[in-house]
Amino acid sequence: FGWGERTVVGEIFYPSGGGARIAAQIV
């Protein structure tokens, strides 16, 4: 899908890099 400009979960936007922080918390 390509890297994209920001993280999108549902209709919630997170800034670039925010998804990595959330993924680390989930792990």
mmCIF file of all heavy atoms, coordinates in Angstrom:
data_MODEL
# 
_entry.id   MODEL 
# 
loop_
_atom_site.group_PDB 
_atom_site.id 
_atom_site.type_symbol 
_atom_site.label_atom_id 
_atom_site.label_alt_id 
_atom_site.label_comp_id 
_atom_site.label_asym_id 
_atom_site.label_entity_id 
_atom_site.label_seq_id 
_atom_site.pdbx_PDB_ins_code 
_atom_site.Cartn_x 
_atom_site.Cartn_y 
_atom_site.Cartn_z 
_atom_site.occupancy 
_atom_site.B_iso_or_equiv 
_atom_site.pdbx_formal_charge 
_atom_site.auth_seq_id 
_atom_site.auth_comp_id 
_atom_site.auth_asym_id 
_atom_site.auth_atom_id 
_atom_site.pdbx_PDB_model_num 
ATOM 1   N N   . PHE A 1 1  ? 0.800   -1.226 0.000  1.00 0.00 ? 1  PHE A N   1 
ATOM 2   C CA  . PHE A 1 1  ? 0.000   0.000  0.000  1.00 0.00 ? 1  PHE A CA  1 
ATOM 3   C C   . PHE A 1 1  ? 0.840   1.286  0.000  1.00 0.00 ? 1  PHE A C   1 
ATOM 4   O O   . PHE A 1 1  ? 0.283   2.384  -0.084 1.00 0.00 ? 1  PHE A O   1 
ATOM 5   C CB  . PHE A 1 1  ? -0.915  0.029  1.246  1.00 0.00 ? 1  PHE A CB  1 
ATOM 6   C CG  . PHE A 1 1  ? -1.770  -1.183 1.391  1.00 0.00 ? 1  PHE A CG  1 
ATOM 7   C CD1 . PHE A 1 1  ? -1.523  -2.105 2.395  1.00 0.00 ? 1  PHE A CD1 1 
ATOM 8   C CD2 . PHE A 1 1  ? -2.825  -1.428 0.525  1.00 0.00 ? 1  PHE A CD2 1 
ATOM 9   C CE1 . PHE A 1 1  ? -2.316  -3.235 2.543  1.00 0.00 ? 1  PHE A CE1 1 
ATOM 10  C CE2 . PHE A 1 1  ? -3.616  -2.553 0.665  1.00 0.00 ? 1  PHE A CE2 1 
ATOM 11  C CZ  . PHE A 1 1  ? -3.359  -3.461 1.676  1.00 0.00 ? 1  PHE A CZ  1 
ATOM 12  N N   . GLY A 1 2  ? 2.160   1.150  0.106  1.00 0.00 ? 2  GLY A N   1 
ATOM 13  C CA  . GLY A 1 2  ? 2.993   2.337  0.271  1.00 0.00 ? 2  GLY A CA  1 
ATOM 14  C C   . GLY A 1 2  ? 3.050   2.746  1.729  1.00 0.00 ? 2  GLY A C   1 
ATOM 15  O O   . GLY A 1 2  ? 2.218   2.339  2.548  1.00 0.00 ? 2  GLY A O   1 
ATOM 16  N N   . TRP A 1 3  ? 4.024   3.567  2.065  1.00 0.00 ? 3  TRP A N   1 
ATOM 17  C CA  . TRP A 1 3  ? 4.220   3.967  3.462  1.00 0.00 ? 3  TRP A CA  1 
ATOM 18  C C   . TRP A 1 3  ? 3.115   4.893  3.956  1.00 0.00 ? 3  TRP A C   1 
ATOM 19  O O   . TRP A 1 3  ? 2.614   4.757  5.060  1.00 0.00 ? 3  TRP A O   1 
ATOM 20  C CB  . TRP A 1 3  ? 5.586   4.623  3.621  1.00 0.00 ? 3  TRP A CB  1 
ATOM 21  C CG  . TRP A 1 3  ? 5.879   5.110  5.007  1.00 0.00 ? 3  TRP A CG  1 
ATOM 22  C CD1 . TRP A 1 3  ? 6.030   6.400  5.420  1.00 0.00 ? 3  TRP A CD1 1 
ATOM 23  C CD2 . TRP A 1 3  ? 6.067   4.301  6.185  1.00 0.00 ? 3  TRP A CD2 1 
ATOM 24  N NE1 . TRP A 1 3  ? 6.289   6.454  6.764  1.00 0.00 ? 3  TRP A NE1 1 
ATOM 25  C CE2 . TRP A 1 3  ? 6.319   5.170  7.257  1.00 0.00 ? 3  TRP A CE2 1 
ATOM 26  C CE3 . TRP A 1 3  ? 6.040   2.923  6.419  1.00 0.00 ? 3  TRP A CE3 1 
ATOM 27  C CZ2 . TRP A 1 3  ? 6.549   4.726  8.550  1.00 0.00 ? 3  TRP A CZ2 1 
ATOM 28  C CZ3 . TRP A 1 3  ? 6.260   2.469  7.711  1.00 0.00 ? 3  TRP A CZ3 1 
ATOM 29  C CH2 . TRP A 1 3  ? 6.513   3.366  8.753  1.00 0.00 ? 3  TRP A CH2 1 
ATOM 30  N N   . GLY A 1 4  ? 2.695   5.844  3.131  1.00 0.00 ? 4  GLY A N   1 
ATOM 31  C CA  . GLY A 1 4  ? 1.652   6.781  3.536  1.00 0.00 ? 4  GLY A CA  1 
ATOM 32  C C   . GLY A 1 4  ? 2.200   7.948  4.325  1.00 0.00 ? 4  GLY A C   1 
ATOM 33  O O   . GLY A 1 4  ? 3.338   7.945  4.787  1.00 0.00 ? 4  GLY A O   1 
ATOM 34  N N   . GLU A 1 5  ? 1.361   8.948  4.495  1.00 0.00 ? 5  GLU A N   1 
ATOM 35  C CA  . GLU A 1 5  ? 1.791   10.162 5.187  1.00 0.00 ? 5  GLU A CA  1 
ATOM 36  C C   . GLU A 1 5  ? 1.517   10.113 6.673  1.00 0.00 ? 5  GLU A C   1 
ATOM 37  O O   . GLU A 1 5  ? 2.152   10.814 7.451  1.00 0.00 ? 5  GLU A O   1 
ATOM 38  C CB  . GLU A 1 5  ? 1.087   11.377 4.579  1.00 0.00 ? 5  GLU A CB  1 
ATOM 39  C CG  . GLU A 1 5  ? 1.452   11.626 3.109  1.00 0.00 ? 5  GLU A CG  1 
ATOM 40  C CD  . GLU A 1 5  ? 0.759   12.853 2.560  1.00 0.00 ? 5  GLU A CD  1 
ATOM 41  O OE1 . GLU A 1 5  ? -0.054  13.456 3.296  1.00 0.00 ? 5  GLU A OE1 1 
ATOM 42  O OE2 . GLU A 1 5  ? 1.027   13.207 1.399  1.00 0.00 ? 5  GLU A OE2 1 
ATOM 43  N N   . ARG A 1 6  ? 0.549   9.310  7.073  1.00 0.00 ? 6  ARG A N   1 
ATOM 44  C CA  . ARG A 1 6  ? 0.211   9.226  8.492  1.00 0.00 ? 6  ARG A CA  1 
ATOM 45  C C   . ARG A 1 6  ? -0.525  7.922  8.761  1.00 0.00 ? 6  ARG A C   1 
ATOM 46  O O   . ARG A 1 6  ? -0.964  7.229  7.833  1.00 0.00 ? 6  ARG A O   1 
ATOM 47  C CB  . ARG A 1 6  ? -0.652  10.416 8.909  1.00 0.00 ? 6  ARG A CB  1 
ATOM 48  C CG  . ARG A 1 6  ? -1.867  10.635 8.017  1.00 0.00 ? 6  ARG A CG  1 
ATOM 49  C CD  . ARG A 1 6  ? -2.541  11.947 8.332  1.00 0.00 ? 6  ARG A CD  1 
ATOM 50  N NE  . ARG A 1 6  ? -3.578  12.273 7.360  1.00 0.00 ? 6  ARG A NE  1 
ATOM 51  C CZ  . ARG A 1 6  ? -4.319  13.358 7.417  1.00 0.00 ? 6  ARG A CZ  1 
ATOM 52  N NH1 . ARG A 1 6  ? -4.128  14.240 8.385  1.00 0.00 ? 6  ARG A NH1 1 
ATOM 53  N NH2 . ARG A 1 6  ? -5.247  13.597 6.511  1.00 0.00 ? 6  ARG A NH2 1 
ATOM 54  N N   . THR A 1 7  ? -0.662  7.598  10.030 1.00 0.00 ? 7  THR A N   1 
ATOM 55  C CA  . THR A 1 7  ? -1.357  6.376  10.426 1.00 0.00 ? 7  THR A CA  1 
ATOM 56  C C   . THR A 1 7  ? -2.849  6.643  10.533 1.00 0.00 ? 7  THR A C   1 
ATOM 57  O O   . THR A 1 7  ? -3.269  7.626  11.135 1.00 0.00 ? 7  THR A O   1 
ATOM 58  C CB  . THR A 1 7  ? -0.822  5.867  11.782 1.00 0.00 ? 7  THR A CB  1 
ATOM 59  O OG1 . THR A 1 7  ? 0.583   5.635  11.664 1.00 0.00 ? 7  THR A OG1 1 
ATOM 60  C CG2 . THR A 1 7  ? -1.513  4.569  12.181 1.00 0.00 ? 7  THR A CG2 1 
ATOM 61  N N   . VAL A 1 8  ? -3.644  5.758  9.941  1.00 0.00 ? 8  VAL A N   1 
ATOM 62  C CA  . VAL A 1 8  ? -5.098  5.880  9.991  1.00 0.00 ? 8  VAL A CA  1 
ATOM 63  C C   . VAL A 1 8  ? -5.668  4.600  10.575 1.00 0.00 ? 8  VAL A C   1 
ATOM 64  O O   . VAL A 1 8  ? -5.413  3.510  10.071 1.00 0.00 ? 8  VAL A O   1 
ATOM 65  C CB  . VAL A 1 8  ? -5.697  6.113  8.592  1.00 0.00 ? 8  VAL A CB  1 
ATOM 66  C CG1 . VAL A 1 8  ? -7.212  6.286  8.697  1.00 0.00 ? 8  VAL A CG1 1 
ATOM 67  C CG2 . VAL A 1 8  ? -5.069  7.315  7.932  1.00 0.00 ? 8  VAL A CG2 1 
ATOM 68  N N   . VAL A 1 9  ? -6.422  4.724  11.663 1.00 0.00 ? 9  VAL A N   1 
ATOM 69  C CA  . VAL A 1 9  ? -7.093  3.586  12.284 1.00 0.00 ? 9  VAL A CA  1 
ATOM 70  C C   . VAL A 1 9  ? -8.571  3.932  12.356 1.00 0.00 ? 9  VAL A C   1 
ATOM 71  O O   . VAL A 1 9  ? -8.970  4.800  13.132 1.00 0.00 ? 9  VAL A O   1 
ATOM 72  C CB  . VAL A 1 9  ? -6.534  3.287  13.692 1.00 0.00 ? 9  VAL A CB  1 
ATOM 73  C CG1 . VAL A 1 9  ? -7.235  2.065  14.280 1.00 0.00 ? 9  VAL A CG1 1 
ATOM 74  C CG2 . VAL A 1 9  ? -5.038  3.063  13.643 1.00 0.00 ? 9  VAL A CG2 1 
ATOM 75  N N   . GLY A 1 10 ? -9.369  3.253  11.526 1.00 0.00 ? 10 GLY A N   1 
ATOM 76  C CA  . GLY A 1 10 ? -10.766 3.637  11.420 1.00 0.00 ? 10 GLY A CA  1 
ATOM 77  C C   . GLY A 1 10 ? -10.839 5.014  10.783 1.00 0.00 ? 10 GLY A C   1 
ATOM 78  O O   . GLY A 1 10 ? -10.407 5.213  9.662  1.00 0.00 ? 10 GLY A O   1 
ATOM 79  N N   . GLU A 1 11 ? -11.349 5.967  11.530 1.00 0.00 ? 11 GLU A N   1 
ATOM 80  C CA  . GLU A 1 11 ? -11.383 7.347  11.060 1.00 0.00 ? 11 GLU A CA  1 
ATOM 81  C C   . GLU A 1 11 ? -10.526 8.251  11.941 1.00 0.00 ? 11 GLU A C   1 
ATOM 82  O O   . GLU A 1 11 ? -10.677 9.471  11.923 1.00 0.00 ? 11 GLU A O   1 
ATOM 83  C CB  . GLU A 1 11 ? -12.823 7.852  11.008 1.00 0.00 ? 11 GLU A CB  1 
ATOM 84  C CG  . GLU A 1 11 ? -13.692 7.104  10.010 1.00 0.00 ? 11 GLU A CG  1 
ATOM 85  C CD  . GLU A 1 11 ? -15.080 7.677  9.902  1.00 0.00 ? 11 GLU A CD  1 
ATOM 86  O OE1 . GLU A 1 11 ? -15.382 8.633  10.660 1.00 0.00 ? 11 GLU A OE1 1 
ATOM 87  O OE2 . GLU A 1 11 ? -15.874 7.187  9.077  1.00 0.00 ? 11 GLU A OE2 1 
ATOM 88  N N   . ILE A 1 12 ? -9.637  7.648  12.701 1.00 0.00 ? 12 ILE A N   1 
ATOM 89  C CA  . ILE A 1 12 ? -8.753  8.409  13.593 1.00 0.00 ? 12 ILE A CA  1 
ATOM 90  C C   . ILE A 1 12 ? -7.388  8.527  12.937 1.00 0.00 ? 12 ILE A C   1 
ATOM 91  O O   . ILE A 1 12 ? -6.807  7.544  12.494 1.00 0.00 ? 12 ILE A O   1 
ATOM 92  C CB  . ILE A 1 12 ? -8.627  7.723  14.973 1.00 0.00 ? 12 ILE A CB  1 
ATOM 93  C CG1 . ILE A 1 12 ? -10.013 7.578  15.607 1.00 0.00 ? 12 ILE A CG1 1 
ATOM 94  C CG2 . ILE A 1 12 ? -7.702  8.524  15.878 1.00 0.00 ? 12 ILE A CG2 1 
ATOM 95  C CD1 . ILE A 1 12 ? -9.995  6.838  16.927 1.00 0.00 ? 12 ILE A CD1 1 
ATOM 96  N N   . PHE A 1 13 ? -6.886  9.746  12.877 1.00 0.00 ? 13 PHE A N   1 
ATOM 97  C CA  . PHE A 1 13 ? -5.585  10.002 12.271 1.00 0.00 ? 13 PHE A CA  1 
ATOM 98  C C   . PHE A 1 13 ? -4.529  10.172 13.362 1.00 0.00 ? 13 PHE A C   1 
ATOM 99  O O   . PHE A 1 13 ? -4.771  10.808 14.394 1.00 0.00 ? 13 PHE A O   1 
ATOM 100 C CB  . PHE A 1 13 ? -5.628  11.287 11.426 1.00 0.00 ? 13 PHE A CB  1 
ATOM 101 C CG  . PHE A 1 13 ? -6.468  11.168 10.194 1.00 0.00 ? 13 PHE A CG  1 
ATOM 102 C CD1 . PHE A 1 13 ? -7.823  11.443 10.231 1.00 0.00 ? 13 PHE A CD1 1 
ATOM 103 C CD2 . PHE A 1 13 ? -5.902  10.778 8.990  1.00 0.00 ? 13 PHE A CD2 1 
ATOM 104 C CE1 . PHE A 1 13 ? -8.606  11.345 9.100  1.00 0.00 ? 13 PHE A CE1 1 
ATOM 105 C CE2 . PHE A 1 13 ? -6.671  10.668 7.849  1.00 0.00 ? 13 PHE A CE2 1 
ATOM 106 C CZ  . PHE A 1 13 ? -8.026  10.952 7.902  1.00 0.00 ? 13 PHE A CZ  1 
ATOM 107 N N   . TYR A 1 14 ? -3.373  9.579  13.114 1.00 0.00 ? 14 TYR A N   1 
ATOM 108 C CA  . TYR A 1 14 ? -2.209  9.774  13.980 1.00 0.00 ? 14 TYR A CA  1 
ATOM 109 C C   . TYR A 1 14 ? -1.079  10.322 13.121 1.00 0.00 ? 14 TYR A C   1 
ATOM 110 O O   . TYR A 1 14 ? -0.949  9.959  11.955 1.00 0.00 ? 14 TYR A O   1 
ATOM 111 C CB  . TYR A 1 14 ? -1.780  8.445  14.630 1.00 0.00 ? 14 TYR A CB  1 
ATOM 112 C CG  . TYR A 1 14 ? -2.824  7.828  15.519 1.00 0.00 ? 14 TYR A CG  1 
ATOM 113 C CD1 . TYR A 1 14 ? -3.741  6.913  15.005 1.00 0.00 ? 14 TYR A CD1 1 
ATOM 114 C CD2 . TYR A 1 14 ? -2.899  8.154  16.861 1.00 0.00 ? 14 TYR A CD2 1 
ATOM 115 C CE1 . TYR A 1 14 ? -4.709  6.336  15.815 1.00 0.00 ? 14 TYR A CE1 1 
ATOM 116 C CE2 . TYR A 1 14 ? -3.864  7.578  17.679 1.00 0.00 ? 14 TYR A CE2 1 
ATOM 117 C CZ  . TYR A 1 14 ? -4.763  6.674  17.153 1.00 0.00 ? 14 TYR A CZ  1 
ATOM 118 O OH  . TYR A 1 14 ? -5.716  6.114  17.962 1.00 0.00 ? 14 TYR A OH  1 
ATOM 119 N N   . PRO A 1 15 ? -0.244  11.187 13.687 1.00 0.00 ? 15 PRO A N   1 
ATOM 120 C CA  . PRO A 1 15 ? 0.868   11.727 12.895 1.00 0.00 ? 15 PRO A CA  1 
ATOM 121 C C   . PRO A 1 15 ? 1.843   10.639 12.503 1.00 0.00 ? 15 PRO A C   1 
ATOM 122 O O   . PRO A 1 15 ? 1.850   9.550  13.080 1.00 0.00 ? 15 PRO A O   1 
ATOM 123 C CB  . PRO A 1 15 ? 1.511   12.742 13.850 1.00 0.00 ? 15 PRO A CB  1 
ATOM 124 C CG  . PRO A 1 15 ? 1.129   12.287 15.220 1.00 0.00 ? 15 PRO A CG  1 
ATOM 125 C CD  . PRO A 1 15 ? -0.244  11.691 15.073 1.00 0.00 ? 15 PRO A CD  1 
ATOM 126 N N   . SER A 1 16 ? 2.674   10.936 11.518 1.00 0.00 ? 16 SER A N   1 
ATOM 127 C CA  . SER A 1 16 ? 3.681   9.970  11.061 1.00 0.00 ? 16 SER A CA  1 
ATOM 128 C C   . SER A 1 16 ? 4.549   9.546  12.242 1.00 0.00 ? 16 SER A C   1 
ATOM 129 O O   . SER A 1 16 ? 5.064   10.384 12.980 1.00 0.00 ? 16 SER A O   1 
ATOM 130 C CB  . SER A 1 16 ? 4.556   10.594 9.972  1.00 0.00 ? 16 SER A CB  1 
ATOM 131 O OG  . SER A 1 16 ? 5.506   9.663  9.501  1.00 0.00 ? 16 SER A OG  1 
ATOM 132 N N   . GLY A 1 17 ? 4.678   8.253  12.429 1.00 0.00 ? 17 GLY A N   1 
ATOM 133 C CA  . GLY A 1 17 ? 5.419   7.725  13.573 1.00 0.00 ? 17 GLY A CA  1 
ATOM 134 C C   . GLY A 1 17 ? 4.527   7.376  14.745 1.00 0.00 ? 17 GLY A C   1 
ATOM 135 O O   . GLY A 1 17 ? 4.937   6.627  15.634 1.00 0.00 ? 17 GLY A O   1 
ATOM 136 N N   . GLY A 1 18 ? 3.302   7.924  14.757 1.00 0.00 ? 18 GLY A N   1 
ATOM 137 C CA  . GLY A 1 18 ? 2.389   7.614  15.856 1.00 0.00 ? 18 GLY A CA  1 
ATOM 138 C C   . GLY A 1 18 ? 1.965   6.161  15.860 1.00 0.00 ? 18 GLY A C   1 
ATOM 139 O O   . GLY A 1 18 ? 1.767   5.558  16.915 1.00 0.00 ? 18 GLY A O   1 
ATOM 140 N N   . GLY A 1 19 ? 1.835   5.587  14.656 1.00 0.00 ? 19 GLY A N   1 
ATOM 141 C CA  . GLY A 1 19 ? 1.460   4.173  14.569 1.00 0.00 ? 19 GLY A CA  1 
ATOM 142 C C   . GLY A 1 19 ? 2.508   3.258  15.163 1.00 0.00 ? 19 GLY A C   1 
ATOM 143 O O   . GLY A 1 19 ? 2.176   2.246  15.784 1.00 0.00 ? 19 GLY A O   1 
ATOM 144 N N   . ALA A 1 20 ? 3.788   3.609  14.990 1.00 0.00 ? 20 ALA A N   1 
ATOM 145 C CA  . ALA A 1 20 ? 4.871   2.789  15.551 1.00 0.00 ? 20 ALA A CA  1 
ATOM 146 C C   . ALA A 1 20 ? 4.809   2.801  17.077 1.00 0.00 ? 20 ALA A C   1 
ATOM 147 O O   . ALA A 1 20 ? 5.036   1.773  17.727 1.00 0.00 ? 20 ALA A O   1 
ATOM 148 C CB  . ALA A 1 20 ? 6.219   3.304  15.062 1.00 0.00 ? 20 ALA A CB  1 
ATOM 149 N N   . ARG A 1 21 ? 4.494   3.960  17.642 1.00 0.00 ? 21 ARG A N   1 
ATOM 150 C CA  . ARG A 1 21 ? 4.381   4.051  19.104 1.00 0.00 ? 21 ARG A CA  1 
ATOM 151 C C   . ARG A 1 21 ? 3.224   3.189  19.601 1.00 0.00 ? 21 ARG A C   1 
ATOM 152 O O   . ARG A 1 21 ? 3.361   2.459  20.594 1.00 0.00 ? 21 ARG A O   1 
ATOM 153 C CB  . ARG A 1 21 ? 4.175   5.511  19.509 1.00 0.00 ? 21 ARG A CB  1 
ATOM 154 C CG  . ARG A 1 21 ? 3.923   5.715  21.004 1.00 0.00 ? 21 ARG A CG  1 
ATOM 155 C CD  . ARG A 1 21 ? 3.745   7.192  21.329 1.00 0.00 ? 21 ARG A CD  1 
ATOM 156 N NE  . ARG A 1 21 ? 2.700   7.797  20.514 1.00 0.00 ? 21 ARG A NE  1 
ATOM 157 C CZ  . ARG A 1 21 ? 1.397   7.699  20.795 1.00 0.00 ? 21 ARG A CZ  1 
ATOM 158 N NH1 . ARG A 1 21 ? 0.996   6.996  21.848 1.00 0.00 ? 21 ARG A NH1 1 
ATOM 159 N NH2 . ARG A 1 21 ? 0.509   8.288  20.032 1.00 0.00 ? 21 ARG A NH2 1 
ATOM 160 N N   . ILE A 1 22 ? 2.088   3.247  18.905 1.00 0.00 ? 22 ILE A N   1 
ATOM 161 C CA  . ILE A 1 22 ? 0.934   2.446  19.304 1.00 0.00 ? 22 ILE A CA  1 
ATOM 162 C C   . ILE A 1 22 ? 1.230   0.959  19.148 1.00 0.00 ? 22 ILE A C   1 
ATOM 163 O O   . ILE A 1 22 ? 0.892   0.144  20.023 1.00 0.00 ? 22 ILE A O   1 
ATOM 164 C CB  . ILE A 1 22 ? -0.303  2.841  18.475 1.00 0.00 ? 22 ILE A CB  1 
ATOM 165 C CG1 . ILE A 1 22 ? -0.707  4.278  18.795 1.00 0.00 ? 22 ILE A CG1 1 
ATOM 166 C CG2 . ILE A 1 22 ? -1.470  1.894  18.759 1.00 0.00 ? 22 ILE A CG2 1 
ATOM 167 C CD1 . ILE A 1 22 ? -1.777  4.820  17.896 1.00 0.00 ? 22 ILE A CD1 1 
ATOM 168 N N   . ALA A 1 23 ? 1.866   0.581  18.042 1.00 0.00 ? 23 ALA A N   1 
ATOM 169 C CA  . ALA A 1 23 ? 2.213   -0.831 17.822 1.00 0.00 ? 23 ALA A CA  1 
ATOM 170 C C   . ALA A 1 23 ? 3.144   -1.334 18.922 1.00 0.00 ? 23 ALA A C   1 
ATOM 171 O O   . ALA A 1 23 ? 2.989   -2.469 19.399 1.00 0.00 ? 23 ALA A O   1 
ATOM 172 C CB  . ALA A 1 23 ? 2.861   -1.002 16.456 1.00 0.00 ? 23 ALA A CB  1 
ATOM 173 N N   . ALA A 1 24 ? 4.110   -0.502 19.330 1.00 0.00 ? 24 ALA A N   1 
ATOM 174 C CA  . ALA A 1 24 ? 5.027   -0.899 20.406 1.00 0.00 ? 24 ALA A CA  1 
ATOM 175 C C   . ALA A 1 24 ? 4.269   -1.087 21.719 1.00 0.00 ? 24 ALA A C   1 
ATOM 176 O O   . ALA A 1 24 ? 4.538   -2.043 22.477 1.00 0.00 ? 24 ALA A O   1 
ATOM 177 C CB  . ALA A 1 24 ? 6.114   0.159  20.576 1.00 0.00 ? 24 ALA A CB  1 
ATOM 178 N N   . GLN A 1 25 ? 3.291   -0.210 21.998 1.00 0.00 ? 25 GLN A N   1 
ATOM 179 C CA  . GLN A 1 25 ? 2.499   -0.349 23.219 1.00 0.00 ? 25 GLN A CA  1 
ATOM 180 C C   . GLN A 1 25 ? 1.668   -1.632 23.184 1.00 0.00 ? 25 GLN A C   1 
ATOM 181 O O   . GLN A 1 25 ? 1.554   -2.334 24.204 1.00 0.00 ? 25 GLN A O   1 
ATOM 182 C CB  . GLN A 1 25 ? 1.580   0.868  23.369 1.00 0.00 ? 25 GLN A CB  1 
ATOM 183 C CG  . GLN A 1 25 ? 2.309   2.154  23.699 1.00 0.00 ? 25 GLN A CG  1 
ATOM 184 C CD  . GLN A 1 25 ? 1.379   3.361  23.701 1.00 0.00 ? 25 GLN A CD  1 
ATOM 185 O OE1 . GLN A 1 25 ? 0.279   3.316  23.145 1.00 0.00 ? 25 GLN A OE1 1 
ATOM 186 N NE2 . GLN A 1 25 ? 1.811   4.443  24.321 1.00 0.00 ? 25 GLN A NE2 1 
ATOM 187 N N   . ILE A 1 26 ? 1.091   -1.943 22.018 1.00 0.00 ? 26 ILE A N   1 
ATOM 188 C CA  . ILE A 1 26 ? 0.297   -3.170 21.894 1.00 0.00 ? 26 ILE A CA  1 
ATOM 189 C C   . ILE A 1 26 ? 1.168   -4.403 22.126 1.00 0.00 ? 26 ILE A C   1 
ATOM 190 O O   . ILE A 1 26 ? 0.763   -5.354 22.807 1.00 0.00 ? 26 ILE A O   1 
ATOM 191 C CB  . ILE A 1 26 ? -0.381  -3.230 20.509 1.00 0.00 ? 26 ILE A CB  1 
ATOM 192 C CG1 . ILE A 1 26 ? -1.451  -2.140 20.399 1.00 0.00 ? 26 ILE A CG1 1 
ATOM 193 C CG2 . ILE A 1 26 ? -1.013  -4.606 20.268 1.00 0.00 ? 26 ILE A CG2 1 
ATOM 194 C CD1 . ILE A 1 26 ? -2.066  -2.017 19.027 1.00 0.00 ? 26 ILE A CD1 1 
ATOM 195 N N   . VAL A 1 27 ? 2.383   -4.396 21.558 1.00 0.00 ? 27 VAL A N   1 
ATOM 196 C CA  . VAL A 1 27 ? 3.297   -5.521 21.752 1.00 0.00 ? 27 VAL A CA  1 
ATOM 197 C C   . VAL A 1 27 ? 3.632   -5.681 23.234 1.00 0.00 ? 27 VAL A C   1 
ATOM 198 O O   . VAL A 1 27 ? 3.582   -6.797 23.779 1.00 0.00 ? 27 VAL A O   1 
ATOM 199 C CB  . VAL A 1 27 ? 4.578   -5.327 20.921 1.00 0.00 ? 27 VAL A CB  1 
ATOM 200 C CG1 . VAL A 1 27 ? 5.655   -6.323 21.351 1.00 0.00 ? 27 VAL A CG1 1 
ATOM 201 C CG2 . VAL A 1 27 ? 4.271   -5.502 19.439 1.00 0.00 ? 27 VAL A CG2 1 
# 
